[in-house]
Amino acid sequence: MRILKSLLFAIALAFPGAVLAQGADIQRVINGQIQSFLKDDFATAFTFAAPNIRGMFRTPENFGRMVTRGYPMVYRPSEVEFQDIEPRGAEILQRVRLRDTKGQYFMAEYTMVLIGTEWKIAGVSILREPGVGV
């Protein structure tokens, strides 16, 4: 397993196009989680989380409460726009521009990890974009 991860990231560093090829899978995962949030389907949204997040929140209900209270721009975005992607050691960072229901824009930085053959979300950092939006 570790050998596969190491090989994938060695390829990603040697061939930046390989990172872009992984981008479609990563975007599918992030979009899948957002679509699950839009349906209040926290059980499915929780399946996109990496083991570190699953261990922290333990249940889809706890995870859902955290997202609805702390990440309203992720829970109910009115716009989602994928930005740049970059390798960061054994992780990949995917930036996503989100617009909330009040018209404010945020940059979400999704930390993605490869678990087996699937990309999972290991964390999300939110930055408000100053001077953009209403």
Foldseek 3Di string as FASTA:
>chain_A
DVVVLVVLVVCCVVPVVSQVVCVVQVVVLLVQLLVCLQVVNLQRNLVQADPVVCVVQVDSVSVNVCCVVPPQQSSAFPDKAWDDWADDVSWIWTWIWTAHPQFWIKIKIFTWHQDPNHIHTHDIDIGTDPPGTD
